[in-house]
């Protein structure tokens, strides 16, 4: 996980050239600023994701992908190993508490295409 975080952060060095190009294009041609704002948001989100990776490297919490694999291969549930570990997610740093391994943990319904015509 630390290697993944470091690799992700190393790509932040790729942004200055693109950012410079977009700023000049905006200045010379009047292009909209939304692209620059998206670029800034991407850099912030990459930094946040790297911090989340580093946090996961030091905790024993199951990765969300393992929960997804569990749902794919082991439904119907024969175990609730991930529910028994919800307290580890709840006790984590406030910054990462929005992530959960339980379905409907925050009262949100997952999106479904079922019934949409």
C-alpha atoms as a PDB file:
ATOM      1  CA  UNK A   1       0.000   0.000   0.000  1.00  0.00           C
ATOM      2  CA  UNK A   2       2.890   2.348   0.732  1.00  0.00           C
ATOM      3  CA  UNK A   3       4.321   1.623  -2.699  1.00  0.00           C
ATOM      4  CA  UNK A   4       0.933   2.332  -4.292  1.00  0.00           C
ATOM      5  CA  UNK A   5       0.722   5.640  -2.398  1.00  0.00           C
ATOM      6  CA  UNK A   6       4.239   6.633  -3.443  1.00  0.00           C
ATOM      7  CA  UNK A   7       3.554   5.697  -7.051  1.00  0.00           C
ATOM      8  CA  UNK A   8       0.353   7.715  -7.039  1.00  0.00           C
ATOM      9  CA  UNK A   9       2.056  10.767  -5.552  1.00  0.00           C
ATOM     10  CA  UNK A  10       4.897  10.527  -8.068  1.00  0.00           C
ATOM     11  CA  UNK A  11       2.368  11.307 -10.799  1.00  0.00           C
ATOM     12  CA  UNK A  12       1.739  14.713  -9.242  1.00  0.00           C
ATOM     13  CA  UNK A  13       5.000  15.717 -10.943  1.00  0.00           C
ATOM     14  CA  UNK A  14       3.237  15.249 -14.294  1.00  0.00           C
ATOM     15  CA  UNK A  15       0.743  18.031 -13.625  1.00  0.00           C
ATOM     16  CA  UNK A  16       2.806  21.261 -13.893  1.00  0.00           C
ATOM     17  CA  UNK A  17       3.343  20.945 -17.668  1.00  0.00           C
ATOM     18  CA  UNK A  18      -0.336  20.268 -18.335  1.00  0.00           C
ATOM     19  CA  UNK A  19      -1.380  22.980 -15.905  1.00  0.00           C
ATOM     20  CA  UNK A  20       0.949  25.503 -17.540  1.00  0.00           C
ATOM     21  CA  UNK A  21      -0.407  24.630 -20.978  1.00  0.00           C
ATOM     22  CA  UNK A  22      -4.012  25.041 -19.821  1.00  0.00           C
ATOM     23  CA  UNK A  23      -3.285  28.369 -18.112  1.00  0.00           C
ATOM     24  CA  UNK A  24      -1.667  29.723 -21.273  1.00  0.00           C
ATOM     25  CA  UNK A  25      -4.536  28.427 -23.417  1.00  0.00           C
ATOM     26  CA  UNK A  26      -6.956  30.151 -21.055  1.00  0.00           C
ATOM     27  CA  UNK A  27      -4.973  33.384 -21.162  1.00  0.00           C
ATOM     28  CA  UNK A  28      -4.510  33.473 -24.953  1.00  0.00           C
ATOM     29  CA  UNK A  29      -7.711  31.886 -26.223  1.00  0.00           C
ATOM     30  CA  UNK A  30     -10.153  32.485 -23.388  1.00  0.00           C
ATOM     31  CA  UNK A  31     -10.835  28.814 -22.751  1.00  0.00           C
ATOM     32  CA  UNK A  32     -13.065  28.078 -19.792  1.00  0.00           C
ATOM     33  CA  UNK A  33     -11.512  27.615 -16.348  1.00  0.00           C
ATOM     34  CA  UNK A  34     -13.459  24.462 -15.471  1.00  0.00           C
ATOM     35  CA  UNK A  35     -10.656  22.284 -16.836  1.00  0.00           C
ATOM     36  CA  UNK A  36      -8.152  23.971 -14.531  1.00  0.00           C
ATOM     37  CA  UNK A  37     -10.519  23.455 -11.611  1.00  0.00           C
ATOM     38  CA  UNK A  38     -10.915  19.771 -12.510  1.00  0.00           C
ATOM     39  CA  UNK A  39      -7.143  19.444 -12.664  1.00  0.00           C
ATOM     40  CA  UNK A  40      -6.807  20.960  -9.184  1.00  0.00           C
ATOM     41  CA  UNK A  41      -9.531  18.653  -7.871  1.00  0.00           C
ATOM     42  CA  UNK A  42      -7.752  15.654  -9.395  1.00  0.00           C
ATOM     43  CA  UNK A  43      -4.515  16.588  -7.625  1.00  0.00           C
ATOM     44  CA  UNK A  44      -6.357  16.991  -4.304  1.00  0.00           C
ATOM     45  CA  UNK A  45      -8.136  13.660  -4.759  1.00  0.00           C
ATOM     46  CA  UNK A  46      -4.896  11.874  -5.659  1.00  0.00           C
ATOM     47  CA  UNK A  47      -3.298  13.212  -2.482  1.00  0.00           C
ATOM     48  CA  UNK A  48      -6.313  12.105  -0.443  1.00  0.00           C
ATOM     49  CA  UNK A  49      -6.264   8.642  -2.039  1.00  0.00           C
ATOM     50  CA  UNK A  50      -2.549   8.299  -1.273  1.00  0.00           C
ATOM     51  CA  UNK A  51      -3.245   9.238   2.352  1.00  0.00           C
ATOM     52  CA  UNK A  52      -5.997   6.600   2.442  1.00  0.00           C
ATOM     53  CA  UNK A  53      -3.590   3.987   1.023  1.00  0.00           C
ATOM     54  CA  UNK A  54      -1.026   4.854   3.691  1.00  0.00           C
ATOM     55  CA  UNK A  55      -3.674   4.588   6.384  1.00  0.00           C
ATOM     56  CA  UNK A  56      -4.754   1.171   5.087  1.00  0.00           C
ATOM     57  CA  UNK A  57      -1.134   0.005   5.125  1.00  0.00           C
ATOM     58  CA  UNK A  58      -1.010   0.579   8.887  1.00  0.00           C
ATOM     59  CA  UNK A  59      -4.425  -0.810   9.760  1.00  0.00           C
ATOM     60  CA  UNK A  60      -5.901  -4.288   9.606  1.00  0.00           C
ATOM     61  CA  UNK A  61      -9.083  -3.192   7.888  1.00  0.00           C
ATOM     62  CA  UNK A  62     -10.214  -5.233   4.880  1.00  0.00           C
ATOM     63  CA  UNK A  63      -9.866  -3.454   1.578  1.00  0.00           C
ATOM     64  CA  UNK A  64     -13.151  -2.523  -0.114  1.00  0.00           C
ATOM     65  CA  UNK A  65     -12.202  -4.655  -3.132  1.00  0.00           C
ATOM     66  CA  UNK A  66     -12.153  -7.773  -0.947  1.00  0.00           C
ATOM     67  CA  UNK A  67     -15.704  -7.011   0.100  1.00  0.00           C
ATOM     68  CA  UNK A  68     -16.633  -6.682  -3.574  1.00  0.00           C
ATOM     69  CA  UNK A  69     -14.985 -10.038  -4.368  1.00  0.00           C
ATOM     70  CA  UNK A  70     -16.807 -11.570  -1.424  1.00  0.00           C
ATOM     71  CA  UNK A  71     -20.104 -10.290  -2.817  1.00  0.00           C
ATOM     72  CA  UNK A  72     -19.345 -11.683  -6.274  1.00  0.00           C
ATOM     73  CA  UNK A  73     -18.122 -15.144  -5.323  1.00  0.00           C
ATOM     74  CA  UNK A  74     -19.741 -15.932  -1.983  1.00  0.00           C
ATOM     75  CA  UNK A  75     -23.303 -14.667  -2.308  1.00  0.00           C
ATOM     76  CA  UNK A  76     -25.524 -15.767  -0.667  1.00  0.00           C
ATOM     77  CA  UNK A  77     -23.571 -14.929   2.445  1.00  0.00           C
ATOM     78  CA  UNK A  78     -22.104 -17.854   4.309  1.00  0.00           C
ATOM     79  CA  UNK A  79     -20.127 -15.580   6.568  1.00  0.00           C
ATOM     80  CA  UNK A  80     -20.301 -12.063   7.871  1.00  0.00           C
ATOM     81  CA  UNK A  81     -16.594 -11.567   8.465  1.00  0.00           C
ATOM     82  CA  UNK A  82     -16.736  -8.010   7.122  1.00  0.00           C
ATOM     83  CA  UNK A  83     -19.635  -6.947   9.368  1.00  0.00           C
ATOM     84  CA  UNK A  84     -17.765  -8.120  12.443  1.00  0.00           C
ATOM     85  CA  UNK A  85     -14.950  -5.746  11.502  1.00  0.00           C
ATOM     86  CA  UNK A  86     -17.099  -2.640  10.982  1.00  0.00           C
ATOM     87  CA  UNK A  87     -15.830  -1.257  14.302  1.00  0.00           C
ATOM     88  CA  UNK A  88     -12.357  -0.983  12.755  1.00  0.00           C
ATOM     89  CA  UNK A  89     -13.739   1.310  10.078  1.00  0.00           C
ATOM     90  CA  UNK A  90     -15.734   3.315  12.605  1.00  0.00           C
ATOM     91  CA  UNK A  91     -12.718   3.802  14.874  1.00  0.00           C
ATOM     92  CA  UNK A  92     -10.496   4.981  12.041  1.00  0.00           C
ATOM     93  CA  UNK A  93      -9.536   8.603  11.469  1.00  0.00           C
ATOM     94  CA  UNK A  94     -12.465  10.971  10.887  1.00  0.00           C
ATOM     95  CA  UNK A  95     -11.041  11.750   7.465  1.00  0.00           C
ATOM     96  CA  UNK A  96     -11.741   8.205   6.227  1.00  0.00           C
ATOM     97  CA  UNK A  97     -14.937   7.316   8.092  1.00  0.00           C
ATOM     98  CA  UNK A  98     -17.100   7.805   5.038  1.00  0.00           C
ATOM     99  CA  UNK A  99     -15.814   4.466   3.728  1.00  0.00           C
ATOM    100  CA  UNK A 100     -17.609   1.415   5.018  1.00  0.00           C
ATOM    101  CA  UNK A 101     -17.671  -2.302   4.358  1.00  0.00           C
ATOM    102  CA  UNK A 102     -21.328  -2.679   5.262  1.00  0.00           C
ATOM    103  CA  UNK A 103     -24.082  -2.272   2.734  1.00  0.00           C
ATOM    104  CA  UNK A 104     -26.359   0.654   3.566  1.00  0.00           C
ATOM    105  CA  UNK A 105     -24.032   1.707   6.379  1.00  0.00           C
ATOM    106  CA  UNK A 106     -24.874   5.355   5.822  1.00  0.00           C
ATOM    107  CA  UNK A 107     -28.463   4.822   4.717  1.00  0.00           C
ATOM    108  CA  UNK A 108     -27.768   5.214   1.002  1.00  0.00           C
ATOM    109  CA  UNK A 109     -29.240   2.799  -1.476  1.00  0.00           C
ATOM    110  CA  UNK A 110     -26.815   1.470  -4.108  1.00  0.00           C
ATOM    111  CA  UNK A 111     -27.752   2.444  -7.657  1.00  0.00           C
ATOM    112  CA  UNK A 112     -29.506  -0.232  -9.654  1.00  0.00           C
ATOM    113  CA  UNK A 113     -30.525  -0.291 -13.310  1.00  0.00           C
ATOM    114  CA  UNK A 114     -33.269  -2.780 -12.427  1.00  0.00           C
ATOM    115  CA  UNK A 115     -36.658  -1.411 -13.413  1.00  0.00           C
ATOM    116  CA  UNK A 116     -35.286   1.401 -15.579  1.00  0.00           C
ATOM    117  CA  UNK A 117     -36.579   1.258 -19.122  1.00  0.00           C
END
